[in-house]
Structure formats: structure tokens, C-alpha cells
PDB file of N, CA and C in Angstrom:
ATOM      1  N   UNK A   1     274.806 -69.437 256.588  1.00  0.00           N
ATOM      2  CA  UNK A   1     274.867 -68.287 257.119  1.00  0.00           C
ATOM      3  C   UNK A   1     274.123 -67.438 256.649  1.00  0.00           C
ATOM      4  N   UNK A   2     273.590 -65.887 257.301  1.00  0.00           N
ATOM      5  CA  UNK A   2     273.437 -64.380 257.243  1.00  0.00           C
ATOM      6  C   UNK A   2     274.143 -63.994 257.458  1.00  0.00           C
ATOM      7  N   UNK A   3     274.664 -62.765 256.539  1.00  0.00           N
ATOM      8  CA  UNK A   3     275.290 -61.651 256.775  1.00  0.00           C
ATOM      9  C   UNK A   3     274.840 -60.379 256.336  1.00  0.00           C
ATOM     10  N   UNK A   4     275.207 -59.179 257.283  1.00  0.00           N
ATOM     11  CA  UNK A   4     274.663 -57.881 256.481  1.00  0.00           C
ATOM     12  C   UNK A   4     276.018 -56.744 256.808  1.00  0.00           C
ATOM     13  N   UNK A   5     276.791 -56.981 255.682  1.00  0.00           N
ATOM     14  CA  UNK A   5     278.100 -55.935 255.515  1.00  0.00           C
ATOM     15  C   UNK A   5     277.689 -54.601 254.588  1.00  0.00           C
ATOM     16  N   UNK A   6     278.292 -53.511 255.210  1.00  0.00           N
ATOM     17  CA  UNK A   6     278.273 -52.741 254.568  1.00  0.00           C
ATOM     18  C   UNK A   6     278.966 -52.649 253.237  1.00  0.00           C
ATOM     19  N   UNK A   7     278.714 -51.824 252.427  1.00  0.00           N
ATOM     20  CA  UNK A   7     279.101 -51.675 251.120  1.00  0.00           C
ATOM     21  C   UNK A   7     278.643 -50.436 250.066  1.00  0.00           C
ATOM     22  N   UNK A   8     278.945 -49.272 250.880  1.00  0.00           N
ATOM     23  CA  UNK A   8     278.965 -48.087 250.490  1.00  0.00           C
ATOM     24  C   UNK A   8     279.839 -47.735 250.482  1.00  0.00           C
ATOM     25  N   UNK A   9     281.338 -47.771 250.992  1.00  0.00           N
ATOM     26  CA  UNK A   9     282.611 -47.334 250.168  1.00  0.00           C
ATOM     27  C   UNK A   9     283.016 -48.124 249.430  1.00  0.00           C
ATOM     28  N   UNK A  10     284.437 -48.061 248.504  1.00  0.00           N
ATOM     29  CA  UNK A  10     284.758 -48.920 247.525  1.00  0.00           C
ATOM     30  C   UNK A  10     285.912 -49.902 248.936  1.00  0.00           C
ATOM     31  N   UNK A  11     286.098 -49.275 250.113  1.00  0.00           N
ATOM     32  CA  UNK A  11     286.878 -50.289 251.134  1.00  0.00           C
ATOM     33  C   UNK A  11     285.772 -51.454 251.356  1.00  0.00           C
ATOM     34  N   UNK A  12     284.507 -51.281 251.992  1.00  0.00           N
ATOM     35  CA  UNK A  12     283.822 -51.832 252.570  1.00  0.00           C
ATOM     36  C   UNK A  12     283.371 -53.121 251.200  1.00  0.00           C
ATOM     37  N   UNK A  13     282.970 -52.133 249.739  1.00  0.00           N
ATOM     38  CA  UNK A  13     282.568 -53.845 248.740  1.00  0.00           C
ATOM     39  C   UNK A  13     284.054 -54.311 248.768  1.00  0.00           C
ATOM     40  N   UNK A  14     285.191 -54.114 248.617  1.00  0.00           N
ATOM     41  CA  UNK A  14     286.509 -54.656 248.461  1.00  0.00           C
ATOM     42  C   UNK A  14     286.246 -56.174 249.805  1.00  0.00           C
ATOM     43  N   UNK A  15     286.055 -55.563 251.067  1.00  0.00           N
ATOM     44  CA  UNK A  15     285.933 -56.560 252.019  1.00  0.00           C
ATOM     45  C   UNK A  15     284.477 -57.375 251.610  1.00  0.00           C
ATOM     46  N   UNK A  16     283.644 -56.810 251.509  1.00  0.00           N
ATOM     47  CA  UNK A  16     282.668 -58.003 250.979  1.00  0.00           C
ATOM     48  C   UNK A  16     282.637 -59.350 250.097  1.00  0.00           C
ATOM     49  N   UNK A  17     283.140 -58.191 248.957  1.00  0.00           N
ATOM     50  CA  UNK A  17     283.557 -59.353 247.738  1.00  0.00           C
ATOM     51  C   UNK A  17     284.984 -60.468 248.643  1.00  0.00           C
ATOM     52  N   UNK A  18     285.705 -60.301 249.378  1.00  0.00           N
ATOM     53  CA  UNK A  18     286.933 -60.980 249.700  1.00  0.00           C
ATOM     54  C   UNK A  18     286.110 -61.591 250.818  1.00  0.00           C
ATOM     55  N   UNK A  19     285.362 -61.461 251.338  1.00  0.00           N
ATOM     56  CA  UNK A  19     284.686 -62.365 252.375  1.00  0.00           C
ATOM     57  C   UNK A  19     283.546 -63.252 251.673  1.00  0.00           C
ATOM     58  N   UNK A  20     282.653 -62.927 250.795  1.00  0.00           N
ATOM     59  CA  UNK A  20     282.154 -63.771 249.934  1.00  0.00           C
ATOM     60  C   UNK A  20     283.316 -64.906 249.192  1.00  0.00           C
ATOM     61  N   UNK A  21     284.315 -64.488 248.958  1.00  0.00           N
ATOM     62  CA  UNK A  21     285.089 -65.371 248.198  1.00  0.00           C
ATOM     63  C   UNK A  21     285.355 -66.437 249.043  1.00  0.00           C
ATOM     64  N   UNK A  22     286.282 -66.184 250.644  1.00  0.00           N
ATOM     65  CA  UNK A  22     286.464 -66.802 251.444  1.00  0.00           C
ATOM     66  C   UNK A  22     285.439 -68.136 251.807  1.00  0.00           C
ATOM     67  N   UNK A  23     283.805 -67.260 251.646  1.00  0.00           N
ATOM     68  CA  UNK A  23     283.391 -68.580 252.462  1.00  0.00           C
ATOM     69  C   UNK A  23     283.063 -69.242 251.337  1.00  0.00           C
ATOM     70  N   UNK A  24     282.846 -69.004 249.887  1.00  0.00           N
ATOM     71  CA  UNK A  24     282.724 -69.959 248.703  1.00  0.00           C
ATOM     72  C   UNK A  24     283.467 -70.860 248.757  1.00  0.00           C
ATOM     73  N   UNK A  25     285.126 -70.638 249.068  1.00  0.00           N
ATOM     74  CA  UNK A  25     286.113 -71.378 248.653  1.00  0.00           C
ATOM     75  C   UNK A  25     286.422 -72.425 250.348  1.00  0.00           C
ATOM     76  N   UNK A  26     285.439 -71.995 250.938  1.00  0.00           N
ATOM     77  CA  UNK A  26     284.961 -73.244 252.233  1.00  0.00           C
ATOM     78  C   UNK A  26     283.938 -73.999 251.472  1.00  0.00           C
ATOM     79  N   UNK A  27     283.162 -73.754 250.736  1.00  0.00           N
ATOM     80  CA  UNK A  27     281.824 -74.672 249.869  1.00  0.00           C
ATOM     81  C   UNK A  27     280.662 -73.683 250.100  1.00  0.00           C
ATOM     82  N   UNK A  28     280.868 -72.951 250.558  1.00  0.00           N
ATOM     83  CA  UNK A  28     279.595 -72.900 250.811  1.00  0.00           C
ATOM     84  C   UNK A  28     278.593 -71.568 249.578  1.00  0.00           C
ATOM     85  N   UNK A  29     277.378 -72.122 249.235  1.00  0.00           N
ATOM     86  CA  UNK A  29     277.087 -71.426 248.204  1.00  0.00           C
ATOM     87  C   UNK A  29     275.542 -70.684 248.046  1.00  0.00           C
ATOM     88  N   UNK A  30     275.583 -69.445 247.535  1.00  0.00           N
ATOM     89  CA  UNK A  30     274.398 -68.385 247.603  1.00  0.00           C
ATOM     90  C   UNK A  30     272.900 -69.336 247.672  1.00  0.00           C
ATOM     91  N   UNK A  31     272.396 -68.933 248.449  1.00  0.00           N
ATOM     92  CA  UNK A  31     271.123 -69.673 248.971  1.00  0.00           C
ATOM     93  C   UNK A  31     269.992 -68.325 248.523  1.00  0.00           C
ATOM     94  N   UNK A  32     270.100 -67.298 248.820  1.00  0.00           N
ATOM     95  CA  UNK A  32     269.817 -65.861 248.466  1.00  0.00           C
ATOM     96  C   UNK A  32     270.934 -65.208 248.825  1.00  0.00           C
ATOM     97  N   UNK A  33     270.363 -63.702 248.324  1.00  0.00           N
ATOM     98  CA  UNK A  33     271.404 -62.723 248.313  1.00  0.00           C
ATOM     99  C   UNK A  33     271.695 -62.779 250.221  1.00  0.00           C
ATOM    100  N   UNK A  34     272.532 -62.886 250.685  1.00  0.00           N
ATOM    101  CA  UNK A  34     273.525 -62.452 251.914  1.00  0.00           C
ATOM    102  C   UNK A  34     272.668 -63.827 253.118  1.00  0.00           C
ATOM    103  N   UNK A  35     272.599 -64.870 252.154  1.00  0.00           N
ATOM    104  CA  UNK A  35     272.099 -65.836 252.676  1.00  0.00           C
ATOM    105  C   UNK A  35     273.126 -67.255 251.972  1.00  0.00           C
ATOM    106  N   UNK A  36     273.896 -67.832 252.552  1.00  0.00           N
ATOM    107  CA  UNK A  36     274.887 -68.728 252.256  1.00  0.00           C
ATOM    108  C   UNK A  36     274.410 -69.908 252.738  1.00  0.00           C
ATOM    109  N   UNK A  37     274.779 -71.259 252.537  1.00  0.00           N
ATOM    110  CA  UNK A  37     274.363 -72.549 252.935  1.00  0.00           C
ATOM    111  C   UNK A  37     276.034 -73.710 252.465  1.00  0.00           C
ATOM    112  N   UNK A  38     275.926 -74.545 253.135  1.00  0.00           N
ATOM    113  CA  UNK A  38     276.633 -75.569 253.089  1.00  0.00           C
ATOM    114  C   UNK A  38     276.520 -76.759 254.074  1.00  0.00           C
ATOM    115  N   UNK A  39     276.967 -77.869 253.449  1.00  0.00           N
ATOM    116  CA  UNK A  39     276.230 -78.865 253.869  1.00  0.00           C
ATOM    117  C   UNK A  39     277.575 -79.489 254.593  1.00  0.00           C
ATOM    118  N   UNK A  40     277.524 -79.695 255.912  1.00  0.00           N
ATOM    119  CA  UNK A  40     278.527 -79.957 256.510  1.00  0.00           C
ATOM    120  C   UNK A  40     278.244 -81.499 257.572  1.00  0.00           C
ATOM    121  N   UNK A  41     279.296 -82.725 257.228  1.00  0.00           N
ATOM    122  CA  UNK A  41     279.256 -83.658 257.152  1.00  0.00           C
ATOM    123  C   UNK A  41     279.065 -84.282 259.682  1.00  0.00           C
ATOM    124  N   UNK A  42     279.597 -83.295 259.991  1.00  0.00           N
ATOM    125  CA  UNK A  42     279.392 -83.544 261.397  1.00  0.00           C
ATOM    126  C   UNK A  42     279.382 -82.203 262.518  1.00  0.00           C
ATOM    127  N   UNK A  43     279.453 -82.358 263.635  1.00  0.00           N
ATOM    128  CA  UNK A  43     279.371 -81.193 264.262  1.00  0.00           C
ATOM    129  C   UNK A  43     280.918 -80.337 264.314  1.00  0.00           C
ATOM    130  N   UNK A  44     281.994 -81.386 264.376  1.00  0.00           N
ATOM    131  CA  UNK A  44     283.418 -81.091 264.164  1.00  0.00           C
ATOM    132  C   UNK A  44     283.841 -80.285 263.121  1.00  0.00           C
ATOM    133  N   UNK A  45     282.950 -80.892 262.312  1.00  0.00           N
ATOM    134  CA  UNK A  45     283.301 -80.136 260.749  1.00  0.00           C
ATOM    135  C   UNK A  45     282.706 -78.874 261.167  1.00  0.00           C
ATOM    136  N   UNK A  46     281.437 -78.134 261.793  1.00  0.00           N
ATOM    137  CA  UNK A  46     280.591 -77.054 261.477  1.00  0.00           C
ATOM    138  C   UNK A  46     281.889 -76.301 262.558  1.00  0.00           C
ATOM    139  N   UNK A  47     281.990 -76.448 263.766  1.00  0.00           N
ATOM    140  CA  UNK A  47     282.853 -75.911 264.332  1.00  0.00           C
ATOM    141  C   UNK A  47     284.190 -75.402 264.014  1.00  0.00           C
ATOM    142  N   UNK A  48     284.535 -76.229 263.138  1.00  0.00           N
ATOM    143  CA  UNK A  48     286.227 -75.896 262.440  1.00  0.00           C
ATOM    144  C   UNK A  48     285.627 -75.143 261.329  1.00  0.00           C
ATOM    145  N   UNK A  49     285.135 -74.771 260.573  1.00  0.00           N
ATOM    146  CA  UNK A  49     284.196 -73.740 259.705  1.00  0.00           C
ATOM    147  C   UNK A  49     284.104 -72.534 260.417  1.00  0.00           C
ATOM    148  N   UNK A  50     283.468 -72.471 261.762  1.00  0.00           N
ATOM    149  CA  UNK A  50     282.919 -71.506 262.415  1.00  0.00           C
ATOM    150  C   UNK A  50     284.422 -70.747 262.841  1.00  0.00           C
ATOM    151  N   UNK A  51     285.526 -71.746 263.118  1.00  0.00           N
ATOM    152  CA  UNK A  51     286.501 -71.057 264.258  1.00  0.00           C
ATOM    153  C   UNK A  51     287.553 -70.305 262.375  1.00  0.00           C
ATOM    154  N   UNK A  52     287.397 -71.098 261.644  1.00  0.00           N
ATOM    155  CA  UNK A  52     287.743 -70.261 259.978  1.00  0.00           C
ATOM    156  C   UNK A  52     287.095 -68.760 259.961  1.00  0.00           C
ATOM    157  N   UNK A  53     285.866 -68.976 259.833  1.00  0.00           N
ATOM    158  CA  UNK A  53     285.181 -67.482 259.848  1.00  0.00           C
ATOM    159  C   UNK A  53     285.293 -67.033 260.759  1.00  0.00           C
ATOM    160  N   UNK A  54     285.542 -67.121 261.862  1.00  0.00           N
ATOM    161  CA  UNK A  54     285.810 -65.940 262.967  1.00  0.00           C
ATOM    162  C   UNK A  54     287.046 -65.464 262.991  1.00  0.00           C
ATOM    163  N   UNK A  55     288.050 -66.258 262.552  1.00  0.00           N
ATOM    164  CA  UNK A  55     289.612 -65.590 262.201  1.00  0.00           C
ATOM    165  C   UNK A  55     289.641 -65.207 261.133  1.00  0.00           C
ATOM    166  N   UNK A  56     288.705 -64.562 260.212  1.00  0.00           N
ATOM    167  CA  UNK A  56     288.874 -63.769 258.865  1.00  0.00           C
ATOM    168  C   UNK A  56     287.402 -63.069 258.877  1.00  0.00           C
ATOM    169  N   UNK A  57     286.904 -62.055 259.819  1.00  0.00           N
ATOM    170  CA  UNK A  57     285.752 -61.663 259.924  1.00  0.00           C
ATOM    171  C   UNK A  57     286.387 -60.512 259.119  1.00  0.00           C
ATOM    172  N   UNK A  58     284.883 -59.740 258.511  1.00  0.00           N
ATOM    173  CA  UNK A  58     285.077 -58.300 257.809  1.00  0.00           C
ATOM    174  C   UNK A  58     285.072 -57.456 259.281  1.00  0.00           C
ATOM    175  N   UNK A  59     286.043 -56.266 258.987  1.00  0.00           N
ATOM    176  CA  UNK A  59     285.792 -54.862 260.222  1.00  0.00           C
ATOM    177  C   UNK A  59     284.741 -54.570 260.386  1.00  0.00           C
ATOM    178  N   UNK A  60     283.631 -54.462 259.609  1.00  0.00           N
ATOM    179  CA  UNK A  60     282.288 -54.435 260.155  1.00  0.00           C
ATOM    180  C   UNK A  60     281.325 -54.994 259.494  1.00  0.00           C
ATOM    181  N   UNK A  61     279.705 -54.972 259.894  1.00  0.00           N
ATOM    182  CA  UNK A  61     278.895 -55.914 259.758  1.00  0.00           C
ATOM    183  C   UNK A  61     278.561 -56.598 260.656  1.00  0.00           C
ATOM    184  N   UNK A  62     277.431 -57.925 260.293  1.00  0.00           N
ATOM    185  CA  UNK A  62     277.256 -59.088 261.135  1.00  0.00           C
ATOM    186  C   UNK A  62     277.076 -60.014 260.372  1.00  0.00           C
ATOM    187  N   UNK A  63     277.707 -60.929 261.054  1.00  0.00           N
ATOM    188  CA  UNK A  63     277.639 -62.461 260.555  1.00  0.00           C
ATOM    189  C   UNK A  63     277.074 -63.278 261.192  1.00  0.00           C
ATOM    190  N   UNK A  64     275.933 -64.209 260.792  1.00  0.00           N
ATOM    191  CA  UNK A  64     275.242 -65.055 262.038  1.00  0.00           C
ATOM    192  C   UNK A  64     274.995 -66.382 261.399  1.00  0.00           C
ATOM    193  N   UNK A  65     275.397 -67.114 262.196  1.00  0.00           N
ATOM    194  CA  UNK A  65     275.402 -68.672 262.047  1.00  0.00           C
ATOM    195  C   UNK A  65     274.190 -70.025 262.292  1.00  0.00           C
ATOM    196  N   UNK A  66     273.568 -70.693 261.782  1.00  0.00           N
ATOM    197  CA  UNK A  66     272.848 -71.278 262.326  1.00  0.00           C
ATOM    198  C   UNK A  66     273.159 -72.581 261.811  1.00  0.00           C
ATOM    199  N   UNK A  67     272.573 -73.609 262.653  1.00  0.00           N
ATOM    200  CA  UNK A  67     273.256 -74.736 262.174  1.00  0.00           C
ATOM    201  C   UNK A  67     271.814 -75.443 262.092  1.00  0.00           C
ATOM    202  N   UNK A  68     271.485 -76.493 261.172  1.00  0.00           N
ATOM    203  CA  UNK A  68     270.089 -77.206 261.239  1.00  0.00           C
ATOM    204  C   UNK A  68     270.524 -78.358 260.569  1.00  0.00           C
ATOM    205  N   UNK A  69     270.116 -79.338 260.865  1.00  0.00           N
ATOM    206  CA  UNK A  69     270.042 -80.847 260.449  1.00  0.00           C
ATOM    207  C   UNK A  69     269.444 -81.096 258.448  1.00  0.00           C
ATOM    208  N   UNK A  70     270.007 -82.078 258.326  1.00  0.00           N
ATOM    209  CA  UNK A  70     269.969 -81.877 257.052  1.00  0.00           C
ATOM    210  C   UNK A  70     268.391 -82.573 256.749  1.00  0.00           C
ATOM    211  N   UNK A  71     267.591 -83.226 257.788  1.00  0.00           N
ATOM    212  CA  UNK A  71     265.979 -83.514 258.229  1.00  0.00           C
ATOM    213  C   UNK A  71     265.509 -82.296 257.870  1.00  0.00           C
ATOM    214  N   UNK A  72     266.240 -80.873 259.059  1.00  0.00           N
ATOM    215  CA  UNK A  72     265.354 -79.930 259.295  1.00  0.00           C
ATOM    216  C   UNK A  72     265.540 -79.106 257.589  1.00  0.00           C
ATOM    217  N   UNK A  73     266.616 -78.957 256.985  1.00  0.00           N
ATOM    218  CA  UNK A  73     266.342 -78.199 256.081  1.00  0.00           C
ATOM    219  C   UNK A  73     265.849 -78.620 254.907  1.00  0.00           C
ATOM    220  N   UNK A  74     265.838 -80.513 254.711  1.00  0.00           N
ATOM    221  CA  UNK A  74     264.556 -80.942 253.507  1.00  0.00           C
ATOM    222  C   UNK A  74     263.654 -80.957 254.246  1.00  0.00           C
ATOM    223  N   UNK A  75     263.022 -80.433 255.435  1.00  0.00           N
ATOM    224  CA  UNK A  75     261.550 -80.177 255.469  1.00  0.00           C
ATOM    225  C   UNK A  75     261.187 -78.051 255.196  1.00  0.00           C
ATOM    226  N   UNK A  76     262.301 -77.702 255.061  1.00  0.00           N
ATOM    227  CA  UNK A  76     262.132 -76.484 254.428  1.00  0.00           C
ATOM    228  C   UNK A  76     260.942 -76.329 253.431  1.00  0.00           C
ATOM    229  N   UNK A  77     260.126 -75.476 253.733  1.00  0.00           N
ATOM    230  CA  UNK A  77     259.185 -75.226 252.432  1.00  0.00           C
ATOM    231  C   UNK A  77     259.626 -73.727 251.521  1.00  0.00           C
ATOM    232  N   UNK A  78     259.654 -74.034 250.480  1.00  0.00           N
ATOM    233  CA  UNK A  78     260.169 -72.634 249.753  1.00  0.00           C
ATOM    234  C   UNK A  78     258.423 -71.820 249.069  1.00  0.00           C
ATOM    235  N   UNK A  79     257.948 -70.921 249.481  1.00  0.00           N
ATOM    236  CA  UNK A  79     256.917 -70.375 248.756  1.00  0.00           C
ATOM    237  C   UNK A  79     257.120 -69.143 247.826  1.00  0.00           C
ATOM    238  N   UNK A  80     256.415 -69.005 246.909  1.00  0.00           N
ATOM    239  CA  UNK A  80     256.906 -68.128 245.764  1.00  0.00           C
ATOM    240  C   UNK A  80     255.902 -67.420 245.021  1.00  0.00           C
ATOM    241  N   UNK A  81     255.577 -66.223 245.382  1.00  0.00           N
ATOM    242  CA  UNK A  81     254.645 -65.363 244.688  1.00  0.00           C
ATOM    243  C   UNK A  81     253.954 -65.845 243.339  1.00  0.00           C
ATOM    244  N   UNK A  82     253.222 -64.882 242.602  1.00  0.00           N
ATOM    245  CA  UNK A  82     252.588 -64.682 241.412  1.00  0.00           C
ATOM    246  C   UNK A  82     254.029 -64.555 240.498  1.00  0.00           C
ATOM    247  N   UNK A  83     254.440 -65.619 239.587  1.00  0.00           N
ATOM    248  CA  UNK A  83     255.032 -65.679 238.585  1.00  0.00           C
ATOM    249  C   UNK A  83     254.785 -64.830 237.803  1.00  0.00           C
ATOM    250  N   UNK A  84     255.475 -64.120 236.824  1.00  0.00           N
ATOM    251  CA  UNK A  84     255.486 -63.544 235.993  1.00  0.00           C
ATOM    252  C   UNK A  84     256.097 -63.587 234.564  1.00  0.00           C
ATOM    253  N   UNK A  85     256.072 -64.072 233.649  1.00  0.00           N
ATOM    254  CA  UNK A  85     256.523 -64.792 232.482  1.00  0.00           C
ATOM    255  C   UNK A  85     255.949 -63.989 231.266  1.00  0.00           C
ATOM    256  N   UNK A  86     256.828 -63.767 230.464  1.00  0.00           N
ATOM    257  CA  UNK A  86     256.126 -63.701 228.850  1.00  0.00           C
ATOM    258  C   UNK A  86     256.244 -65.227 228.353  1.00  0.00           C
ATOM    259  N   UNK A  87     256.729 -66.064 228.882  1.00  0.00           N
ATOM    260  CA  UNK A  87     257.144 -67.362 228.393  1.00  0.00           C
ATOM    261  C   UNK A  87     255.990 -68.230 228.545  1.00  0.00           C
ATOM    262  N   UNK A  88     255.252 -68.868 227.272  1.00  0.00           N
ATOM    263  CA  UNK A  88     253.837 -69.657 227.763  1.00  0.00           C
ATOM    264  C   UNK A  88     254.205 -71.164 227.958  1.00  0.00           C
ATOM    265  N   UNK A  89     253.963 -71.469 229.379  1.00  0.00           N
ATOM    266  CA  UNK A  89     254.090 -72.869 229.921  1.00  0.00           C
ATOM    267  C   UNK A  89     252.623 -73.522 229.649  1.00  0.00           C
ATOM    268  N   UNK A  90     252.906 -73.763 228.682  1.00  0.00           N
ATOM    269  CA  UNK A  90     251.435 -74.866 228.408  1.00  0.00           C
ATOM    270  C   UNK A  90     251.929 -76.271 227.196  1.00  0.00           C
ATOM    271  N   UNK A  91     250.835 -77.016 226.974  1.00  0.00           N
ATOM    272  CA  UNK A  91     251.343 -78.118 226.539  1.00  0.00           C
ATOM    273  C   UNK A  91     250.506 -77.862 225.083  1.00  0.00           C
ATOM    274  N   UNK A  92     249.534 -76.853 225.245  1.00  0.00           N
ATOM    275  CA  UNK A  92     248.259 -76.916 224.245  1.00  0.00           C
ATOM    276  C   UNK A  92     249.049 -75.974 222.767  1.00  0.00           C
ATOM    277  N   UNK A  93     248.279 -76.599 222.087  1.00  0.00           N
ATOM    278  CA  UNK A  93     249.020 -76.210 220.398  1.00  0.00           C
ATOM    279  C   UNK A  93     247.877 -75.035 220.234  1.00  0.00           C
ATOM    280  N   UNK A  94     248.637 -74.078 219.279  1.00  0.00           N
ATOM    281  CA  UNK A  94     247.687 -72.963 218.514  1.00  0.00           C
ATOM    282  C   UNK A  94     247.836 -73.788 216.939  1.00  0.00           C
ATOM    283  N   UNK A  95     246.809 -73.411 216.315  1.00  0.00           N
ATOM    284  CA  UNK A  95     246.444 -73.939 214.842  1.00  0.00           C
ATOM    285  C   UNK A  95     245.861 -73.040 214.251  1.00  0.00           C
ATOM    286  N   UNK A  96     246.565 -72.520 213.260  1.00  0.00           N
ATOM    287  CA  UNK A  96     245.649 -71.508 212.152  1.00  0.00           C
ATOM    288  C   UNK A  96     245.441 -71.752 210.919  1.00  0.00           C
ATOM    289  N   UNK A  97     244.268 -72.321 210.232  1.00  0.00           N
ATOM    290  CA  UNK A  97     244.065 -72.591 209.146  1.00  0.00           C
ATOM    291  C   UNK A  97     243.900 -71.465 208.309  1.00  0.00           C
TER     292      UNK A  97
END
């Protein structure tokens, strides 16, 4: 699920929090900001979840639902740019005598 909800006014922020809490109760978890995923065991379960979400839409914003198979999800490639870290990730040892 991808969504873009307004979060400017206090009312917007409240609706945003309520929406996120509702989808978390349905078993979704955050994959990226405003991108939540859920494993569903059947197309019937997917339609049931979609119906539940459709019945509890925020007043403003856009929500998109994309259904992919488990195999398609597994084949996803995650690309990460250059990591910046102050932690040394090495098995080399520094010995000073």
C-alpha cells in the first residue's frame, strides 16, 4: 500500500495517525515511509482487507494498493547507495607496541 496523506494541520496529523494505526492493526508494517506491506494468504483475504481500508478512508489524500505474489515480492532487488558510517566494519586488528 502506498499513500500520500496531508499532514499540515492538527486535524490532518490526527487522521494520518489514525489511518496508520488502523492499517497496523490489520497487519501491515512499514516498508518505507508511506509504503506499508502485508502478507496475505489468498485473493479473498486481499479483497477483504481492501474493503476494510475503503470503509475507513481519511477525508483527504490518496491511497494506492498494489497486490503482488510472494514470488514477485521475493524477486525484488533492494539497491542501497554509499553508506556513511563511523563504525569500522572490518576484521583487521590494530596493534600498537
